[in-house]
């Protein structure tokens, strides 16, 4: 379980064993994890299989490659990294499972002082889970939904988010990982099965 508060931006180093493993330069974050630990990489919960100094190597399942943006990374690309919550972690974002619901495309990225505003395409099957002022994780970062349209939604990025994550580098056409709020998914599922 995660909160969507990014610990640091890492750098994708490359794939190993075809695309069964990926290596990420994690800097000092690598000293805080061991083989078997979970780390959210651009929002996807992955297991550390080994460390090579400050580089973390993760397993990649075919499902992860197919359903996330991780399979299309190029060496040098930035990725958002977050360690799992502990009983002493501030829940500053929202509950994030690390299980990606789908990918989406950036439609528009505009300066909105003092930050930036993104418009992101929204798949029809994810529309029921987003509400204005609700939570969404984009590439693992916990964000507040500013506006929901019929086929897109918008979020605003504050300066601290731009500084600590890779989201400020996003441009129209880029793909991102989306995880909708788990509480919203449970409520929608319950209500759709128990109509009044």
Protein backbone atom coordinates (compact mmCIF):
# COMPACT_ATOMS: atom_id res chain seq x y z
CA UNK A 1 0.00 0.00 0.00
CA UNK A 2 1.21 3.49 -0.89
CA UNK A 3 0.05 7.08 -0.47
CA UNK A 4 1.03 8.62 -3.80
CA UNK A 5 3.59 10.91 -2.18
CA UNK A 6 6.65 10.39 -4.36
CA UNK A 7 9.94 9.84 -2.50
CA UNK A 8 12.15 10.73 -5.45
CA UNK A 9 12.49 10.55 -9.20
CA UNK A 10 14.66 7.68 -10.39
CA UNK A 11 16.17 6.94 -13.80
CA UNK A 12 15.33 3.91 -15.92
CA UNK A 13 18.58 2.11 -16.84
CA UNK A 14 17.24 -0.65 -19.09
CA UNK A 15 15.62 -4.05 -19.35
CA UNK A 16 17.23 -7.35 -18.46
CA UNK A 17 16.32 -10.88 -19.57
CA UNK A 18 14.26 -9.54 -22.42
CA UNK A 19 11.63 -7.51 -20.59
CA UNK A 20 11.33 -9.80 -17.55
CA UNK A 21 13.37 -7.41 -15.39
CA UNK A 22 13.97 -3.67 -15.31
CA UNK A 23 16.76 -1.70 -13.67
CA UNK A 24 16.24 1.72 -12.06
CA UNK A 25 18.84 4.08 -10.61
CA UNK A 26 17.29 4.94 -7.24
CA UNK A 27 20.07 6.90 -5.52
CA UNK A 28 19.96 6.90 -1.72
CA UNK A 29 16.50 5.25 -1.80
CA UNK A 30 18.24 1.97 -2.70
CA UNK A 31 19.79 1.88 0.78
CA UNK A 32 16.32 1.68 2.34
CA UNK A 33 15.13 -1.48 0.57
CA UNK A 34 16.17 -5.11 0.26
CA UNK A 35 15.35 -7.94 -2.14
CA UNK A 36 11.71 -8.88 -1.68
CA UNK A 37 10.55 -5.37 -0.79
CA UNK A 38 7.89 -3.55 -2.80
CA UNK A 39 8.48 -0.20 -4.48
CA UNK A 40 6.01 1.75 -6.61
CA UNK A 41 7.63 2.62 -9.96
CA UNK A 42 5.51 5.18 -11.85
CA UNK A 43 2.66 3.91 -9.70
CA UNK A 44 3.08 0.19 -10.39
CA UNK A 45 3.88 -1.94 -7.34
CA UNK A 46 7.00 -3.97 -8.20
CA UNK A 47 9.19 -6.37 -6.21
CA UNK A 48 12.91 -5.72 -5.81
CA UNK A 49 14.77 -8.86 -6.89
CA UNK A 50 18.27 -7.50 -6.24
CA UNK A 51 20.34 -4.38 -5.71
CA UNK A 52 23.44 -3.38 -7.65
CA UNK A 53 24.80 -0.51 -5.52
CA UNK A 54 22.19 2.24 -6.05
CA UNK A 55 20.41 0.42 -8.90
CA UNK A 56 17.28 -1.55 -8.06
CA UNK A 57 16.30 -4.48 -10.27
CA UNK A 58 12.60 -5.42 -10.43
CA UNK A 59 10.63 -8.32 -11.87
CA UNK A 60 8.19 -7.41 -14.64
CA UNK A 61 5.25 -9.68 -15.38
CA UNK A 62 3.70 -9.81 -18.85
CA UNK A 63 0.57 -8.28 -17.30
CA UNK A 64 2.59 -5.30 -16.01
CA UNK A 65 4.26 -4.78 -19.39
CA UNK A 66 0.88 -4.97 -21.15
CA UNK A 67 -1.16 -2.78 -18.78
CA UNK A 68 1.32 -0.04 -17.85
CA UNK A 69 3.74 2.34 -19.53
CA UNK A 70 6.77 0.54 -18.05
CA UNK A 71 7.31 -1.68 -21.10
CA UNK A 72 7.82 1.37 -23.33
CA UNK A 73 10.47 3.10 -21.18
CA UNK A 74 13.78 4.09 -22.79
CA UNK A 75 17.11 4.27 -20.94
CA UNK A 76 17.42 7.70 -19.32
CA UNK A 77 13.66 8.15 -18.82
CA UNK A 78 12.65 9.42 -15.39
CA UNK A 79 10.33 7.36 -13.17
CA UNK A 80 8.56 8.23 -9.92
CA UNK A 81 9.55 6.08 -6.92
CA UNK A 82 7.67 5.55 -3.67
CA UNK A 83 8.28 3.19 -0.77
CA UNK A 84 5.27 1.45 0.82
CA UNK A 85 3.54 2.94 3.85
CA UNK A 86 4.37 1.84 7.38
CA UNK A 87 2.40 2.25 10.58
CA UNK A 88 4.37 5.47 11.15
CA UNK A 89 3.81 6.98 7.69
CA UNK A 90 1.77 10.16 7.35
CA UNK A 91 -1.13 9.46 5.00
CA UNK A 92 -0.54 12.71 3.15
CA UNK A 93 -1.95 11.59 -0.21
CA UNK A 94 -4.62 8.91 -0.55
CA UNK A 95 -4.66 5.11 -0.43
CA UNK A 96 -2.84 3.83 -3.51
CA UNK A 97 -2.51 0.09 -4.15
CA UNK A 98 0.06 0.15 -6.93
CA UNK A 99 -2.32 -1.80 -9.18
CA UNK A 100 -2.67 0.23 -12.37
CA UNK A 101 -6.19 0.53 -13.82
CA UNK A 102 -4.96 1.56 -17.25
CA UNK A 103 -2.88 3.98 -19.23
CA UNK A 104 -3.98 7.35 -20.57
CA UNK A 105 -2.62 10.01 -22.90
CA UNK A 106 -1.80 13.62 -22.06
CA UNK A 107 -4.01 15.87 -24.18
CA UNK A 108 -2.85 19.26 -22.93
CA UNK A 109 -0.18 20.63 -20.61
CA UNK A 110 -0.46 24.32 -19.76
CA UNK A 111 1.27 26.66 -17.35
CA UNK A 112 -1.08 27.76 -14.60
CA UNK A 113 0.85 29.90 -12.15
CA UNK A 114 2.37 28.95 -9.86
CA UNK A 115 2.10 25.39 -11.24
CA UNK A 116 0.85 23.51 -14.27
CA UNK A 117 -2.46 21.99 -15.41
CA UNK A 118 -2.75 18.70 -17.30
CA UNK A 119 -5.71 17.42 -19.30
CA UNK A 120 -5.62 13.64 -19.57
CA UNK A 121 -7.70 11.40 -21.87
CA UNK A 122 -10.05 9.16 -19.91
CA UNK A 123 -11.08 5.65 -20.96
CA UNK A 124 -14.84 5.15 -20.73
CA UNK A 125 -14.48 2.26 -18.27
CA UNK A 126 -12.63 4.50 -15.79
CA UNK A 127 -15.07 7.43 -15.96
CA UNK A 128 -17.34 6.18 -13.11
CA UNK A 129 -14.43 6.25 -10.64
CA UNK A 130 -13.44 9.90 -11.04
CA UNK A 131 -15.24 12.79 -9.39
CA UNK A 132 -14.31 16.47 -9.11
CA UNK A 133 -12.13 17.04 -6.02
CA UNK A 134 -11.63 13.28 -5.75
CA UNK A 135 -8.26 11.51 -5.83
CA UNK A 136 -6.37 9.87 -8.68
CA UNK A 137 -2.81 8.59 -9.01
CA UNK A 138 -0.98 9.63 -12.19
CA UNK A 139 2.33 7.79 -12.62
CA UNK A 140 2.03 7.05 -8.92
CA UNK A 141 1.58 10.65 -7.75
CA UNK A 142 -1.51 11.39 -5.65
CA UNK A 143 -3.41 14.23 -7.31
CA UNK A 144 -6.74 15.97 -6.86
CA UNK A 145 -9.12 15.84 -9.81
CA UNK A 146 -9.79 19.46 -10.79
CA UNK A 147 -12.39 18.77 -13.47
CA UNK A 148 -14.04 15.75 -15.10
CA UNK A 149 -15.25 15.92 -18.70
CA UNK A 150 -16.96 13.28 -20.82
CA UNK A 151 -13.73 11.79 -22.14
CA UNK A 152 -10.98 13.50 -20.14
CA UNK A 153 -10.10 14.91 -16.74
CA UNK A 154 -7.83 17.67 -15.48
CA UNK A 155 -5.40 17.94 -12.58
CA UNK A 156 -3.24 20.78 -11.33
CA UNK A 157 0.39 20.31 -10.35
CA UNK A 158 1.76 22.47 -7.56
CA UNK A 159 5.42 23.61 -7.63
CA UNK A 160 6.49 20.94 -5.10
CA UNK A 161 5.00 18.19 -7.29
CA UNK A 162 6.79 19.63 -10.32
CA UNK A 163 10.05 19.64 -8.36
CA UNK A 164 9.86 16.14 -6.85
CA UNK A 165 8.24 14.09 -9.62
CA UNK A 166 8.54 13.52 -13.35
CA UNK A 167 5.08 15.00 -14.04
CA UNK A 168 6.45 18.40 -15.04
CA UNK A 169 8.18 16.79 -18.02
CA UNK A 170 4.95 15.43 -19.51
CA UNK A 171 3.93 16.71 -22.93
CA UNK A 172 0.84 16.16 -25.11
CA UNK A 173 0.92 12.65 -26.53
CA UNK A 174 2.84 11.15 -23.60
CA UNK A 175 1.28 8.11 -21.90
CA UNK A 176 0.82 7.82 -18.13
CA UNK A 177 -0.28 5.15 -15.67
CA UNK A 178 -3.64 5.76 -13.99
CA UNK A 179 -4.90 4.30 -10.71
CA UNK A 180 -8.35 5.41 -9.66
CA UNK A 181 -9.22 5.85 -5.99
CA UNK A 182 -9.76 2.42 -4.39
CA UNK A 183 -12.56 3.70 -2.15
CA UNK A 184 -14.41 5.05 -5.18
CA UNK A 185 -14.08 1.69 -6.94
CA UNK A 186 -15.52 -0.19 -3.95
CA UNK A 187 -18.44 2.23 -3.60
CA UNK A 188 -19.22 2.09 -7.33
CA UNK A 189 -19.01 -1.71 -7.32
CA UNK A 190 -21.32 -2.00 -4.30
CA UNK A 191 -23.90 0.42 -5.67
CA UNK A 192 -23.90 -1.12 -9.14
CA UNK A 193 -24.60 -4.55 -7.61
CA UNK A 194 -27.13 -3.31 -5.07
CA UNK A 195 -29.34 -0.78 -6.85
CA UNK A 196 -32.13 0.74 -4.82
